[in-house]
N, C-alpha and C. Protein backbone atom coordinates (compact mmCIF):
# COMPACT_ATOMS: atom_id res chain seq x y z
N UNK A 1 166.65 89.73 41.17
CA UNK A 1 167.10 89.30 42.49
C UNK A 1 165.94 88.54 43.11
N UNK A 2 166.20 87.47 43.77
CA UNK A 2 165.15 86.65 44.37
C UNK A 2 164.89 87.09 45.78
N UNK A 3 163.43 87.13 46.18
CA UNK A 3 163.03 87.56 47.53
C UNK A 3 163.31 86.47 48.52
N UNK A 4 163.78 86.90 49.67
CA UNK A 4 164.10 85.95 50.72
C UNK A 4 163.06 86.10 51.83
N UNK A 5 162.33 85.08 52.18
CA UNK A 5 161.27 85.08 53.21
C UNK A 5 161.82 84.45 54.45
N UNK A 6 161.63 85.22 55.61
CA UNK A 6 162.14 84.73 56.87
C UNK A 6 161.09 83.83 57.50
N UNK A 7 161.38 82.60 57.73
CA UNK A 7 160.43 81.60 58.26
C UNK A 7 160.10 81.83 59.70
N UNK A 8 161.03 82.17 60.59
CA UNK A 8 160.66 82.40 62.00
C UNK A 8 159.70 83.54 62.17
N UNK A 9 159.75 84.60 61.42
CA UNK A 9 158.84 85.77 61.54
C UNK A 9 157.45 85.34 61.20
N UNK A 10 157.26 84.55 60.16
CA UNK A 10 155.94 84.13 59.74
C UNK A 10 155.30 83.22 60.78
N UNK A 11 156.02 82.38 61.36
CA UNK A 11 155.44 81.48 62.35
C UNK A 11 154.98 82.21 63.59
N UNK A 12 155.70 83.25 63.97
CA UNK A 12 155.30 84.04 65.15
C UNK A 12 153.98 84.76 64.90
N UNK A 13 153.83 85.37 63.77
CA UNK A 13 152.59 86.06 63.43
C UNK A 13 151.44 85.08 63.37
N UNK A 14 151.70 83.91 62.87
CA UNK A 14 150.63 82.92 62.77
C UNK A 14 150.18 82.48 64.13
N UNK A 15 151.08 82.40 65.07
CA UNK A 15 150.70 82.01 66.40
C UNK A 15 149.84 83.09 67.08
N UNK A 16 150.23 84.32 66.90
CA UNK A 16 149.44 85.42 67.50
C UNK A 16 148.03 85.43 66.94
N UNK A 17 147.92 85.22 65.64
CA UNK A 17 146.62 85.24 64.98
C UNK A 17 145.75 84.12 65.50
N UNK A 18 146.39 82.95 65.62
CA UNK A 18 145.63 81.80 66.09
C UNK A 18 145.20 82.01 67.53
N UNK A 19 146.05 82.63 68.35
CA UNK A 19 145.65 82.89 69.75
C UNK A 19 144.48 83.84 69.84
N UNK A 20 144.50 84.91 69.06
CA UNK A 20 143.37 85.87 69.08
C UNK A 20 142.09 85.20 68.64
N UNK A 21 142.21 84.37 67.62
CA UNK A 21 141.03 83.68 67.12
C UNK A 21 140.45 82.77 68.18
N UNK A 22 141.35 82.03 68.87
CA UNK A 22 140.86 81.14 69.91
C UNK A 22 140.23 81.92 71.06
N UNK A 23 140.73 83.11 71.36
CA UNK A 23 140.15 83.94 72.44
C UNK A 23 138.74 84.38 72.08
N UNK A 24 138.52 84.77 70.84
CA UNK A 24 137.17 85.18 70.42
C UNK A 24 136.20 84.02 70.45
N UNK A 25 136.72 82.86 70.02
CA UNK A 25 135.85 81.68 70.02
C UNK A 25 135.44 81.34 71.45
N UNK A 26 136.42 81.41 72.39
CA UNK A 26 136.09 81.11 73.78
C UNK A 26 135.12 82.12 74.38
N UNK A 27 135.24 83.40 74.01
CA UNK A 27 134.34 84.44 74.54
C UNK A 27 132.92 84.22 74.07
N UNK A 28 132.80 83.85 72.77
CA UNK A 28 131.47 83.57 72.23
C UNK A 28 130.87 82.38 72.94
N UNK A 29 131.66 81.38 73.25
CA UNK A 29 131.15 80.20 73.93
C UNK A 29 130.70 80.54 75.33
N UNK A 30 131.49 81.37 75.97
CA UNK A 30 131.09 81.77 77.34
C UNK A 30 129.78 82.52 77.34
N UNK A 31 129.58 83.40 76.35
CA UNK A 31 128.31 84.14 76.27
C UNK A 31 127.16 83.19 76.06
N UNK A 32 127.36 82.23 75.19
CA UNK A 32 126.28 81.29 74.93
C UNK A 32 125.98 80.44 76.16
N UNK A 33 126.93 80.16 76.94
CA UNK A 33 126.72 79.31 78.11
C UNK A 33 126.20 80.08 79.32
N UNK A 34 126.00 81.43 79.26
CA UNK A 34 125.50 82.21 80.39
C UNK A 34 126.53 82.54 81.40
N UNK A 35 127.77 82.21 81.10
CA UNK A 35 128.80 82.49 82.06
C UNK A 35 129.11 83.97 82.13
N UNK A 36 128.88 84.68 81.03
CA UNK A 36 129.18 86.13 81.03
C UNK A 36 128.25 86.88 81.97
N UNK A 37 126.94 86.44 82.00
CA UNK A 37 125.99 87.12 82.89
C UNK A 37 126.37 86.93 84.34
N UNK A 38 126.82 85.67 84.68
CA UNK A 38 127.24 85.44 86.04
C UNK A 38 128.48 86.24 86.38
N UNK A 39 129.34 86.40 85.42
CA UNK A 39 130.55 87.18 85.68
C UNK A 39 130.23 88.64 85.92
N UNK A 40 129.25 89.17 85.15
CA UNK A 40 128.87 90.59 85.36
C UNK A 40 128.26 90.78 86.72
N UNK A 41 127.39 89.82 87.18
CA UNK A 41 126.79 89.93 88.49
C UNK A 41 127.83 89.85 89.58
N UNK A 42 128.86 89.02 89.37
CA UNK A 42 129.91 88.90 90.36
C UNK A 42 130.70 90.20 90.45
N UNK A 43 130.85 90.90 89.31
CA UNK A 43 131.67 92.13 89.31
C UNK A 43 130.87 93.32 89.80
N UNK A 44 129.64 93.55 89.24
CA UNK A 44 128.85 94.76 89.52
C UNK A 44 127.71 94.53 90.49
N UNK A 45 127.48 93.27 90.85
CA UNK A 45 126.34 93.00 91.72
C UNK A 45 125.06 92.93 90.91
N UNK A 46 123.93 92.56 91.59
CA UNK A 46 122.66 92.45 90.85
C UNK A 46 122.18 93.83 90.40
N UNK A 47 121.70 93.87 89.18
CA UNK A 47 121.22 95.14 88.58
C UNK A 47 119.71 95.15 88.67
N UNK A 48 119.12 96.21 89.35
CA UNK A 48 117.66 96.35 89.47
C UNK A 48 117.14 97.15 88.30
N UNK A 49 116.17 96.61 87.70
CA UNK A 49 115.55 97.30 86.54
C UNK A 49 114.09 97.56 86.87
N UNK A 50 113.59 98.76 86.55
CA UNK A 50 112.20 99.16 86.77
C UNK A 50 111.67 99.79 85.51
N UNK A 51 110.39 99.59 85.32
CA UNK A 51 109.75 100.19 84.15
C UNK A 51 109.42 101.65 84.46
N UNK A 52 109.90 102.51 83.61
CA UNK A 52 109.69 103.96 83.82
C UNK A 52 108.22 104.31 83.66
N UNK A 53 107.54 103.62 82.76
CA UNK A 53 106.14 103.94 82.50
C UNK A 53 105.27 103.62 83.72
N UNK A 54 105.63 102.48 84.44
CA UNK A 54 104.84 102.14 85.61
C UNK A 54 104.97 103.19 86.69
N UNK A 55 106.22 103.69 86.89
CA UNK A 55 106.42 104.73 87.91
C UNK A 55 105.68 105.99 87.54
N UNK A 56 105.66 106.32 86.27
CA UNK A 56 104.97 107.54 85.84
C UNK A 56 103.48 107.43 86.07
N UNK A 57 102.95 106.17 85.79
CA UNK A 57 101.51 106.00 86.01
C UNK A 57 101.15 106.13 87.47
N UNK A 58 102.02 105.60 88.36
CA UNK A 58 101.75 105.71 89.78
C UNK A 58 101.81 107.15 90.26
N UNK A 59 102.73 107.96 89.67
CA UNK A 59 102.83 109.35 90.08
C UNK A 59 101.62 110.17 89.58
N UNK A 60 101.04 109.82 88.43
CA UNK A 60 99.90 110.57 87.90
C UNK A 60 98.63 110.31 88.70
N UNK A 61 98.50 109.15 89.32
CA UNK A 61 97.28 108.86 90.07
C UNK A 61 97.22 109.71 91.34
N UNK A 62 96.04 110.34 91.64
CA UNK A 62 95.93 111.14 92.87
C UNK A 62 95.97 110.26 94.09
N UNK A 63 96.48 110.77 95.16
CA UNK A 63 96.53 109.96 96.39
C UNK A 63 95.14 109.69 96.92
N UNK A 64 94.92 108.58 97.52
CA UNK A 64 93.58 108.25 98.06
C UNK A 64 93.22 109.21 99.17
N UNK A 65 91.90 109.54 99.28
CA UNK A 65 91.48 110.47 100.35
C UNK A 65 91.73 109.87 101.72
N UNK A 66 92.02 110.73 102.68
CA UNK A 66 92.27 110.22 104.03
C UNK A 66 91.00 109.65 104.62
N UNK A 67 91.09 108.65 105.39
CA UNK A 67 89.87 108.04 106.00
C UNK A 67 89.23 109.00 106.98
N UNK A 68 87.87 108.99 106.96
CA UNK A 68 87.12 109.84 107.87
C UNK A 68 87.17 109.28 109.29
N UNK A 69 87.55 110.14 110.17
CA UNK A 69 87.66 109.73 111.57
C UNK A 69 86.57 110.44 112.35
N UNK A 70 85.61 109.71 112.85
CA UNK A 70 84.52 110.29 113.63
C UNK A 70 84.99 110.52 115.06
N UNK A 71 85.00 111.77 115.37
CA UNK A 71 85.44 112.14 116.72
C UNK A 71 84.23 112.44 117.59
N UNK A 72 84.20 111.98 118.74
CA UNK A 72 83.10 112.22 119.68
C UNK A 72 83.18 113.65 120.20
N UNK A 73 82.00 114.34 120.41
CA UNK A 73 82.04 115.71 120.94
C UNK A 73 82.67 115.75 122.32
N UNK A 74 83.38 116.82 122.58
CA UNK A 74 84.03 116.91 123.90
C UNK A 74 83.00 116.96 125.01
N UNK A 75 83.25 116.41 126.12
CA UNK A 75 82.28 116.45 127.24
C UNK A 75 82.05 117.87 127.72
N UNK A 76 80.77 118.13 128.12
CA UNK A 76 80.41 119.47 128.59
C UNK A 76 81.04 119.74 129.95
N UNK A 77 81.73 120.83 129.98
CA UNK A 77 82.38 121.24 131.23
C UNK A 77 81.73 122.53 131.69
N UNK A 78 81.00 122.57 132.78
CA UNK A 78 80.34 123.81 133.22
C UNK A 78 81.37 124.88 133.53
N UNK A 79 81.01 126.13 133.17
CA UNK A 79 81.97 127.22 133.45
C UNK A 79 82.14 127.41 134.95
N UNK A 80 83.29 127.78 135.35
CA UNK A 80 83.52 127.98 136.79
C UNK A 80 82.80 129.21 137.30
N UNK A 81 82.36 129.16 138.53
CA UNK A 81 81.72 130.30 139.17
C UNK A 81 82.78 131.33 139.54
N UNK A 82 82.57 132.53 138.98
CA UNK A 82 83.53 133.61 139.23
C UNK A 82 82.85 134.66 140.08
N UNK A 83 83.37 134.92 141.20
CA UNK A 83 82.83 135.94 142.10
C UNK A 83 83.56 137.25 141.84
N UNK A 84 82.77 138.29 141.52
CA UNK A 84 83.35 139.60 141.24
C UNK A 84 82.97 140.51 142.39
N UNK A 85 83.95 141.03 143.05
CA UNK A 85 83.73 141.94 144.17
C UNK A 85 83.75 143.36 143.65
N UNK A 86 82.58 144.01 143.67
CA UNK A 86 82.48 145.39 143.23
C UNK A 86 82.88 146.31 144.37
N UNK A 87 83.53 147.41 144.04
CA UNK A 87 83.91 148.34 145.11
C UNK A 87 82.67 149.02 145.69
N UNK A 88 82.63 149.12 146.96
CA UNK A 88 81.51 149.75 147.66
C UNK A 88 81.74 151.24 147.71
N UNK A 89 80.68 151.99 147.31
CA UNK A 89 80.82 153.44 147.32
C UNK A 89 80.90 153.95 148.76
N UNK A 90 81.69 154.90 148.93
CA UNK A 90 81.86 155.49 150.26
C UNK A 90 80.69 156.38 150.59
N UNK A 91 80.55 156.65 151.86
CA UNK A 91 79.43 157.48 152.31
C UNK A 91 79.54 158.90 151.80
N UNK A 92 80.76 159.39 151.60
CA UNK A 92 80.91 160.76 151.12
C UNK A 92 80.37 160.91 149.72
N UNK A 93 80.61 159.88 148.86
CA UNK A 93 80.08 159.94 147.49
C UNK A 93 78.57 159.90 147.50
N UNK A 94 78.00 159.02 148.33
CA UNK A 94 76.55 158.92 148.39
C UNK A 94 75.93 160.22 148.86
N UNK A 95 76.53 160.84 149.82
CA UNK A 95 76.00 162.11 150.32
C UNK A 95 76.05 163.19 149.25
N UNK A 96 77.14 163.19 148.47
CA UNK A 96 77.25 164.22 147.42
C UNK A 96 76.18 164.03 146.37
N UNK A 97 75.93 162.75 146.00
CA UNK A 97 74.90 162.50 144.99
C UNK A 97 73.53 162.89 145.52
N UNK A 98 73.26 162.57 146.76
CA UNK A 98 71.95 162.92 147.34
C UNK A 98 71.76 164.43 147.38
N UNK A 99 72.80 165.12 147.73
CA UNK A 99 72.68 166.58 147.79
C UNK A 99 72.46 167.17 146.42
N UNK A 100 73.00 166.52 145.37
CA UNK A 100 72.86 167.05 144.02
C UNK A 100 71.48 166.77 143.46
N UNK A 101 70.97 165.54 143.71
CA UNK A 101 69.70 165.16 143.11
C UNK A 101 68.49 165.74 143.84
N UNK A 102 68.59 166.01 145.09
CA UNK A 102 67.46 166.54 145.84
C UNK A 102 67.36 168.05 145.62
N UNK A 103 66.38 168.43 144.81
CA UNK A 103 66.13 169.84 144.54
C UNK A 103 64.73 170.20 145.01
N UNK A 104 64.57 171.39 145.44
CA UNK A 104 63.22 171.79 145.87
C UNK A 104 62.26 171.80 144.69
N UNK A 105 61.15 171.13 144.87
CA UNK A 105 60.14 171.05 143.83
C UNK A 105 59.01 172.01 144.17
N UNK A 106 58.74 172.89 143.21
CA UNK A 106 57.67 173.86 143.44
C UNK A 106 56.33 173.16 143.40
N UNK A 107 55.53 173.41 144.38
CA UNK A 107 54.20 172.81 144.42
C UNK A 107 53.29 173.48 143.39
N UNK A 108 52.49 172.67 142.71
CA UNK A 108 51.57 173.29 141.73
C UNK A 108 50.54 174.14 142.45
N UNK A 109 50.11 175.19 141.80
CA UNK A 109 49.09 176.05 142.43
C UNK A 109 47.80 175.28 142.62
N UNK A 110 47.08 175.59 143.67
CA UNK A 110 45.81 174.89 143.90
C UNK A 110 44.83 175.17 142.77
N UNK A 111 44.02 174.21 142.42
CA UNK A 111 43.04 174.44 141.35
C UNK A 111 42.04 175.51 141.77
N UNK A 112 41.62 176.29 140.81
CA UNK A 112 40.65 177.35 141.15
C UNK A 112 39.34 176.73 141.64
N UNK A 113 38.77 177.40 142.60
CA UNK A 113 37.50 176.90 143.15
C UNK A 113 36.41 177.01 142.11
N UNK A 114 35.57 176.00 142.05
CA UNK A 114 34.47 176.00 141.09
C UNK A 114 33.48 177.12 141.43
N UNK A 115 33.10 177.84 140.39
CA UNK A 115 32.16 178.96 140.57
C UNK A 115 30.74 178.40 140.57
N UNK A 116 30.01 178.74 141.60
CA UNK A 116 28.61 178.31 141.69
C UNK A 116 27.76 179.36 140.99
N UNK A 117 27.20 178.97 139.85
CA UNK A 117 26.42 179.94 139.06
C UNK A 117 24.96 179.49 139.03
N UNK A 118 24.09 180.42 139.35
CA UNK A 118 22.65 180.17 139.33
C UNK A 118 22.03 181.10 138.31
N UNK A 119 21.33 180.58 137.28
CA UNK A 119 20.75 181.45 136.24
C UNK A 119 19.53 182.22 136.77
N UNK A 120 19.15 183.28 136.07
CA UNK A 120 17.93 184.03 136.47
C UNK A 120 16.69 183.15 136.34
N UNK A 121 15.70 183.48 137.13
CA UNK A 121 14.44 182.73 137.07
C UNK A 121 13.27 183.66 137.44
N UNK A 122 12.10 183.17 137.13
CA UNK A 122 10.90 183.99 137.34
C UNK A 122 10.61 184.14 138.83
N UNK A 123 10.20 185.37 139.20
CA UNK A 123 9.85 185.68 140.59
C UNK A 123 8.36 185.39 140.77
N UNK A 124 8.03 184.51 141.73
CA UNK A 124 6.60 184.19 141.91
C UNK A 124 5.75 185.42 142.23
N UNK A 125 6.37 186.45 142.81
CA UNK A 125 5.61 187.64 143.14
C UNK A 125 5.34 188.51 141.92
N UNK A 126 6.03 188.23 140.82
CA UNK A 126 5.86 189.01 139.59
C UNK A 126 5.60 188.04 138.43
N UNK A 127 4.35 187.71 138.16
CA UNK A 127 4.02 186.79 137.06
C UNK A 127 4.35 187.40 135.70
N UNK A 128 4.27 186.57 134.67
CA UNK A 128 4.60 187.04 133.32
C UNK A 128 3.61 188.13 132.92
N UNK A 129 4.14 189.21 132.36
CA UNK A 129 3.25 190.34 132.05
C UNK A 129 2.38 190.14 130.83
N UNK A 130 2.51 189.06 130.09
CA UNK A 130 1.70 188.85 128.88
C UNK A 130 0.51 187.97 129.27
N UNK A 131 -0.70 188.50 129.02
CA UNK A 131 -1.94 187.78 129.34
C UNK A 131 -2.76 187.64 128.06
N UNK A 132 -3.96 187.05 128.23
CA UNK A 132 -4.84 186.88 127.06
C UNK A 132 -5.31 188.23 126.53
N UNK A 133 -5.37 189.21 127.41
CA UNK A 133 -5.80 190.53 126.95
C UNK A 133 -4.78 191.19 126.04
N UNK A 134 -3.52 190.74 126.08
CA UNK A 134 -2.46 191.33 125.24
C UNK A 134 -2.42 190.72 123.84
N UNK A 135 -3.32 189.74 123.58
CA UNK A 135 -3.33 189.12 122.24
C UNK A 135 -3.80 190.16 121.23
N UNK A 136 -3.03 190.43 120.18
CA UNK A 136 -3.45 191.44 119.20
C UNK A 136 -4.80 191.09 118.58
N UNK A 137 -5.77 192.03 118.57
CA UNK A 137 -7.10 191.72 118.02
C UNK A 137 -7.05 191.25 116.58
N UNK A 138 -6.24 191.87 115.77
CA UNK A 138 -6.16 191.48 114.36
C UNK A 138 -5.59 190.06 114.22
N UNK A 139 -4.58 189.73 115.06
CA UNK A 139 -4.04 188.37 115.01
C UNK A 139 -5.07 187.37 115.50
N UNK A 140 -5.93 187.79 116.46
CA UNK A 140 -6.98 186.92 116.95
C UNK A 140 -7.98 186.64 115.84
N UNK A 141 -8.36 187.70 115.08
CA UNK A 141 -9.32 187.54 114.00
C UNK A 141 -8.75 186.67 112.87
N UNK A 142 -7.46 186.82 112.59
CA UNK A 142 -6.83 186.08 111.49
C UNK A 142 -6.37 184.68 111.90
N UNK A 143 -6.49 184.40 113.20
CA UNK A 143 -6.09 183.06 113.68
C UNK A 143 -4.58 182.84 113.69
N UNK A 144 -3.83 183.91 113.98
CA UNK A 144 -2.36 183.78 114.00
C UNK A 144 -1.90 183.18 115.33
N UNK A 145 -1.20 182.07 115.28
CA UNK A 145 -0.69 181.41 116.46
C UNK A 145 0.78 181.03 116.24
N UNK A 146 1.50 180.77 117.36
CA UNK A 146 2.90 180.39 117.24
C UNK A 146 3.62 180.52 118.57
N UNK A 147 4.97 180.37 118.53
CA UNK A 147 5.82 180.46 119.72
C UNK A 147 6.94 181.43 119.41
N UNK A 148 7.11 182.44 120.27
CA UNK A 148 8.20 183.40 120.13
C UNK A 148 9.26 183.07 121.17
N UNK A 149 10.49 182.76 120.71
CA UNK A 149 11.60 182.48 121.62
C UNK A 149 12.41 183.76 121.78
N UNK A 150 12.47 184.26 123.01
CA UNK A 150 13.16 185.52 123.28
C UNK A 150 14.31 185.28 124.26
N UNK A 151 15.29 186.22 124.21
CA UNK A 151 16.43 186.21 125.15
C UNK A 151 16.37 187.50 125.94
N UNK A 152 16.41 187.34 127.28
CA UNK A 152 16.32 188.49 128.18
C UNK A 152 17.68 188.68 128.86
N UNK A 153 18.18 189.94 128.82
CA UNK A 153 19.41 190.26 129.54
C UNK A 153 19.02 190.83 130.89
N UNK A 154 19.18 190.01 131.95
CA UNK A 154 18.72 190.36 133.30
C UNK A 154 19.87 191.04 134.03
N UNK A 155 19.60 192.24 134.59
CA UNK A 155 20.60 193.00 135.33
C UNK A 155 20.67 192.53 136.78
N UNK A 156 21.61 193.16 137.57
CA UNK A 156 21.81 192.73 138.94
C UNK A 156 20.55 192.88 139.80
N UNK A 157 19.73 193.88 139.48
CA UNK A 157 18.53 194.12 140.30
C UNK A 157 17.33 193.35 139.79
N UNK A 158 17.49 192.54 138.74
CA UNK A 158 16.38 191.74 138.22
C UNK A 158 15.64 192.39 137.08
N UNK A 159 15.92 193.66 136.79
CA UNK A 159 15.24 194.32 135.69
C UNK A 159 15.80 193.80 134.35
N UNK A 160 15.04 194.03 133.27
CA UNK A 160 15.41 193.54 131.95
C UNK A 160 16.15 194.65 131.21
N UNK A 161 17.40 194.40 130.89
CA UNK A 161 18.17 195.40 130.18
C UNK A 161 18.00 195.33 128.68
N UNK A 162 17.70 194.16 128.14
CA UNK A 162 17.56 194.02 126.69
C UNK A 162 16.71 192.79 126.41
N UNK A 163 15.98 192.84 125.29
CA UNK A 163 15.15 191.72 124.84
C UNK A 163 15.45 191.47 123.36
N UNK A 164 15.77 190.24 123.00
CA UNK A 164 16.07 189.87 121.62
C UNK A 164 15.20 188.69 121.22
N UNK A 165 14.71 188.73 119.97
CA UNK A 165 13.93 187.62 119.44
C UNK A 165 14.90 186.59 118.86
N UNK A 166 15.04 185.47 119.54
CA UNK A 166 15.94 184.42 119.05
C UNK A 166 15.28 183.59 117.96
N UNK A 167 13.94 183.41 118.04
CA UNK A 167 13.22 182.66 117.02
C UNK A 167 11.81 183.25 116.92
N UNK A 168 11.42 183.63 115.73
CA UNK A 168 10.12 184.29 115.52
C UNK A 168 8.99 183.28 115.53
N UNK A 169 7.81 183.78 115.90
CA UNK A 169 6.62 182.95 115.86
C UNK A 169 6.06 182.82 114.45
N UNK A 170 6.59 183.61 113.55
CA UNK A 170 6.09 183.64 112.18
C UNK A 170 5.18 184.82 111.91
N UNK A 171 4.89 185.58 112.97
CA UNK A 171 4.01 186.73 112.82
C UNK A 171 4.64 187.90 113.56
N UNK A 172 4.89 188.98 112.86
CA UNK A 172 5.60 190.12 113.44
C UNK A 172 4.79 190.78 114.56
N UNK A 173 3.44 190.80 114.45
CA UNK A 173 2.63 191.44 115.48
C UNK A 173 2.79 190.71 116.80
N UNK A 174 2.82 189.40 116.78
CA UNK A 174 2.98 188.64 118.02
C UNK A 174 4.37 188.87 118.62
N UNK A 175 5.42 188.92 117.79
CA UNK A 175 6.78 189.13 118.29
C UNK A 175 6.94 190.52 118.90
N UNK A 176 6.32 191.52 118.30
CA UNK A 176 6.44 192.89 118.82
C UNK A 176 5.76 193.02 120.18
N UNK A 177 4.63 192.40 120.37
CA UNK A 177 3.95 192.46 121.66
C UNK A 177 4.80 191.79 122.73
N UNK A 178 5.44 190.66 122.40
CA UNK A 178 6.27 189.96 123.37
C UNK A 178 7.44 190.82 123.81
N UNK A 179 8.12 191.48 122.88
CA UNK A 179 9.27 192.32 123.23
C UNK A 179 8.82 193.51 124.08
N UNK A 180 7.73 194.14 123.72
CA UNK A 180 7.25 195.32 124.43
C UNK A 180 6.85 195.01 125.87
N UNK A 181 6.16 193.90 126.07
CA UNK A 181 5.70 193.55 127.41
C UNK A 181 6.85 193.09 128.31
N UNK A 182 7.80 192.34 127.76
CA UNK A 182 8.87 191.76 128.58
C UNK A 182 9.92 192.80 128.98
N UNK A 183 10.03 193.89 128.30
CA UNK A 183 10.97 194.94 128.70
C UNK A 183 10.60 195.54 130.06
N UNK A 184 9.32 195.48 130.44
CA UNK A 184 8.89 196.06 131.71
C UNK A 184 8.77 195.01 132.81
N UNK A 185 9.29 193.82 132.51
CA UNK A 185 9.17 192.73 133.48
C UNK A 185 10.36 192.77 134.41
N UNK A 186 10.25 192.08 135.57
CA UNK A 186 11.33 191.99 136.54
C UNK A 186 11.35 190.57 137.11
N UNK A 187 12.56 189.98 137.18
CA UNK A 187 12.72 188.60 137.63
C UNK A 187 13.82 188.53 138.69
N UNK A 188 14.07 187.34 139.19
CA UNK A 188 15.18 187.16 140.12
C UNK A 188 16.49 187.11 139.33
N UNK A 189 17.48 187.93 139.67
CA UNK A 189 18.73 187.96 138.90
C UNK A 189 19.54 186.68 139.11
N UNK A 190 20.42 186.42 138.18
CA UNK A 190 21.34 185.30 138.32
C UNK A 190 22.48 185.66 139.27
N UNK A 191 23.11 184.66 139.87
CA UNK A 191 24.17 184.89 140.85
C UNK A 191 25.37 184.00 140.55
N UNK A 192 26.54 184.46 140.96
CA UNK A 192 27.78 183.68 140.95
C UNK A 192 28.36 183.72 142.35
N UNK A 193 28.46 182.54 142.95
CA UNK A 193 28.91 182.42 144.33
C UNK A 193 28.07 183.30 145.26
N UNK A 194 26.73 183.37 144.97
CA UNK A 194 25.81 184.12 145.82
C UNK A 194 25.75 185.60 145.52
N UNK A 195 26.54 186.09 144.54
CA UNK A 195 26.55 187.51 144.23
C UNK A 195 25.80 187.74 142.93
N UNK A 196 24.77 188.70 142.90
CA UNK A 196 24.02 188.97 141.68
C UNK A 196 24.93 189.52 140.58
N UNK A 197 24.78 188.97 139.37
CA UNK A 197 25.57 189.42 138.22
C UNK A 197 24.64 189.44 137.01
N UNK A 198 24.94 190.29 136.01
CA UNK A 198 24.12 190.30 134.79
C UNK A 198 24.25 188.96 134.07
N UNK A 199 23.15 188.49 133.49
CA UNK A 199 23.15 187.17 132.87
C UNK A 199 22.00 187.08 131.88
N UNK A 200 22.18 186.30 130.83
CA UNK A 200 21.13 186.11 129.82
C UNK A 200 20.17 185.02 130.30
N UNK A 201 18.91 185.14 129.84
CA UNK A 201 17.86 184.19 130.20
C UNK A 201 16.99 183.95 128.98
N UNK A 202 16.70 182.67 128.67
CA UNK A 202 15.85 182.34 127.52
C UNK A 202 14.42 182.10 128.01
N UNK A 203 13.46 182.52 127.16
CA UNK A 203 12.05 182.40 127.54
C UNK A 203 11.22 182.12 126.30
N UNK A 204 10.22 181.24 126.45
CA UNK A 204 9.31 180.91 125.34
C UNK A 204 7.94 181.55 125.62
N UNK A 205 7.43 182.27 124.64
CA UNK A 205 6.09 182.89 124.72
C UNK A 205 5.18 182.17 123.73
N UNK A 206 4.18 181.48 124.26
CA UNK A 206 3.28 180.68 123.41
C UNK A 206 2.02 181.52 123.12
N UNK A 207 1.72 181.65 121.82
CA UNK A 207 0.54 182.38 121.36
C UNK A 207 -0.49 181.36 120.84
N UNK A 208 -1.63 181.32 121.59
CA UNK A 208 -2.67 180.36 121.22
C UNK A 208 -4.03 181.00 121.49
N UNK A 209 -4.92 180.96 120.52
CA UNK A 209 -6.24 181.57 120.63
C UNK A 209 -7.16 180.62 121.40
N UNK A 210 -7.82 181.15 122.41
CA UNK A 210 -8.79 180.38 123.17
C UNK A 210 -10.11 180.35 122.44
N UNK A 211 -10.73 179.17 122.39
CA UNK A 211 -11.98 179.02 121.69
C UNK A 211 -13.10 178.74 122.69
């Protein structure tokens, strides 16, 4: 059996194909002529493009330091004078304080009167009982000389209550004669405020051979 080809169907398909082909050719031409870019701008408006790396670099940089502003010191303003009124104490308070603080003060006792003391001394009417005749003969022959320092305890009546050798002459015979003779001596007694009292008296007895 022989195939039958419909001529009108083939011509229609050929026309569609040719139209699509012409549309693609025209689109390519428009792109080459820059008309497509103008059409996009007309439809979507201008497109802003920025480099992401530039923005990132700007964000990484630290902000510049703020400028130093020199401010003048504030003018000196003197403090205001403030008057403070203190409350005045009443007379009753002052009187109470005075009565509390004023206490009788005991007067110190008067100082004791100085005692006038006069030591014993030799009575001109009674000379020293030791003379050249009292020099021990043996000490005279041996040439014994020296000074006997004695202490006399003089009683109220001037008599000698005790005799002590405070410093020896270096020879016992000379010291013994001094003690023996001075025990029978009598002098003026010592006084305190004019009243005779027992008192010690120092005396030097010098032993020297006359040539």
